[in-house]
C-alpha atoms as a PDB file:
ATOM      1  CA  MET A   1       9.778  17.891   2.392  1.00  0.00           C
ATOM      2  CA  ASP A   2       8.803  14.432   1.206  1.00  0.00           C
ATOM      3  CA  ILE A   3       6.083  12.621   3.105  1.00  0.00           C
ATOM      4  CA  GLY A   4       5.053   9.055   2.468  1.00  0.00           C
ATOM      5  CA  VAL A   5       2.068   6.872   3.332  1.00  0.00           C
ATOM      6  CA  LEU A   6       2.051   3.375   4.760  1.00  0.00           C
ATOM      7  CA  LEU A   7      -0.795   1.453   3.103  1.00  0.00           C
ATOM      8  CA  PRO A   8      -3.222  -0.047   5.513  1.00  0.00           C
ATOM      9  CA  THR A   9      -2.858  -3.667   4.270  1.00  0.00           C
ATOM     10  CA  GLY A  10      -3.411  -5.476   7.517  1.00  0.00           C
ATOM     11  CA  THR A  11      -6.497  -7.485   8.416  1.00  0.00           C
ATOM     12  CA  ALA A  12      -7.191  -4.954  11.119  1.00  0.00           C
ATOM     13  CA  GLN A  13      -8.120  -2.579   8.375  1.00  0.00           C
ATOM     14  CA  TRP A  14      -9.395  -5.105   5.789  1.00  0.00           C
ATOM     15  CA  GLY A  15     -11.833  -7.932   6.627  1.00  0.00           C
ATOM     16  CA  PRO A  16     -13.046 -10.761   4.387  1.00  0.00           C
ATOM     17  CA  ALA A  17     -15.978  -8.676   3.170  1.00  0.00           C
ATOM     18  CA  ASP A  18     -13.801  -5.783   2.161  1.00  0.00           C
ATOM     19  CA  ASP A  19     -12.459  -5.358  -1.334  1.00  0.00           C
ATOM     20  CA  PRO A  20      -8.617  -4.915  -1.342  1.00  0.00           C
ATOM     21  CA  ARG A  21      -8.897  -3.123  -4.704  1.00  0.00           C
ATOM     22  CA  GLU A  22     -10.015  -0.126  -2.631  1.00  0.00           C
ATOM     23  CA  LEU A  23      -6.285   0.181  -1.564  1.00  0.00           C
ATOM     24  CA  ILE A  24      -5.602   1.137  -5.203  1.00  0.00           C
ATOM     25  CA  ALA A  25      -8.038   4.054  -5.043  1.00  0.00           C
ATOM     26  CA  PHE A  26      -6.463   4.917  -1.649  1.00  0.00           C
ATOM     27  CA  GLY A  27      -2.941   4.960  -3.213  1.00  0.00           C
ATOM     28  CA  ARG A  28      -4.196   7.048  -6.217  1.00  0.00           C
ATOM     29  CA  TYR A  29      -5.854   9.467  -3.823  1.00  0.00           C
ATOM     30  CA  ALA A  30      -2.628   9.791  -1.751  1.00  0.00           C
ATOM     31  CA  GLU A  31      -0.676  10.477  -4.901  1.00  0.00           C
ATOM     32  CA  ARG A  32      -3.135  13.267  -5.930  1.00  0.00           C
ATOM     33  CA  SER A  33      -2.993  14.708  -2.420  1.00  0.00           C
ATOM     34  CA  GLY A  34       0.737  15.285  -2.758  1.00  0.00           C
ATOM     35  CA  PHE A  35       2.302  12.449  -0.855  1.00  0.00           C
ATOM     36  CA  SER A  36       5.625  11.425  -2.481  1.00  0.00           C
ATOM     37  CA  SER A  37       5.695   7.735  -1.597  1.00  0.00           C
ATOM     38  CA  LEU A  38       3.587   4.732  -0.860  1.00  0.00           C
ATOM     39  CA  PHE A  39       4.873   1.856   1.347  1.00  0.00           C
ATOM     40  CA  ALA A  40       3.462  -1.698   1.987  1.00  0.00           C
ATOM     41  CA  ASN A  41       4.763  -3.744   4.782  1.00  0.00           C
ATOM     42  CA  ASP A  42       4.897  -7.461   5.770  1.00  0.00           C
ATOM     43  CA  SER A  43       4.417  -9.131   9.103  1.00  0.00           C
ATOM     44  CA  LEU A  44       4.791 -12.539  10.595  1.00  0.00           C
ATOM     45  CA  LEU A  45       2.407 -11.649  13.342  1.00  0.00           C
ATOM     46  CA  SER A  46      -0.755 -10.603  11.509  1.00  0.00           C
ATOM     47  CA  PRO A  47      -2.148 -11.536   8.193  1.00  0.00           C
ATOM     48  CA  ARG A  48      -2.144  -8.801   5.514  1.00  0.00           C
ATOM     49  CA  ILE A  49      -2.248  -8.326   1.821  1.00  0.00           C
ATOM     50  CA  GLU A  50       1.163  -9.337   0.402  1.00  0.00           C
ATOM     51  CA  ALA A  51       3.408  -6.362  -0.015  1.00  0.00           C
ATOM     52  CA  LEU A  52       4.944  -6.921  -3.383  1.00  0.00           C
ATOM     53  CA  THR A  53       1.538  -7.831  -4.900  1.00  0.00           C
ATOM     54  CA  MET A  54       0.117  -4.613  -3.509  1.00  0.00           C
ATOM     55  CA  LEU A  55       2.930  -2.564  -4.934  1.00  0.00           C
ATOM     56  CA  ALA A  56       2.645  -4.343  -8.340  1.00  0.00           C
ATOM     57  CA  ALA A  57      -1.029  -3.468  -8.404  1.00  0.00           C
ATOM     58  CA  LEU A  58      -0.203   0.235  -7.718  1.00  0.00           C
ATOM     59  CA  ALA A  59       2.664   0.548 -10.277  1.00  0.00           C
ATOM     60  CA  PRO A  60       0.527   0.867 -13.437  1.00  0.00           C
ATOM     61  CA  VAL A  61      -1.939   3.333 -11.919  1.00  0.00           C
ATOM     62  CA  THR A  62       0.445   5.723 -10.191  1.00  0.00           C
ATOM     63  CA  GLU A  63       2.836   8.148 -11.973  1.00  0.00           C
ATOM     64  CA  THR A  64       4.894  10.236  -9.515  1.00  0.00           C
ATOM     65  CA  VAL A  65       5.034   8.379  -6.250  1.00  0.00           C
ATOM     66  CA  THR A  66       7.914   6.179  -5.113  1.00  0.00           C
ATOM     67  CA  LEU A  67       6.727   2.673  -4.199  1.00  0.00           C
ATOM     68  CA  GLY A  68       8.573   0.670  -1.516  1.00  0.00           C
ATOM     69  CA  THR A  69       8.437  -1.916   1.224  1.00  0.00           C
ATOM     70  CA  ALA A  70       8.463  -0.821   4.834  1.00  0.00           C
ATOM     71  CA  ALA A  71       9.359  -4.384   5.866  1.00  0.00           C
ATOM     72  CA  LEU A  72       9.626  -7.519   3.756  1.00  0.00           C
ATOM     73  CA  MET A  73       9.949 -11.073   5.215  1.00  0.00           C
ATOM     74  CA  PRO A  74      11.830 -13.552   2.896  1.00  0.00           C
END
């Protein structure tokens, strides 16, 4: 069974004083823990770290997980 993780990129999880680079460590930890995919989403209702930028930051530091968008606003 493949189980993925939705990255907590919203401002509810990350405030101005937090370092978004911690999400990269979170993604690497999820991969080492056996999760098969990492997803980032977008929203018109609440600010968040931009999904494609987040996935681009994870691409060079992960090896086996599938990266994808849960929702992406054009």
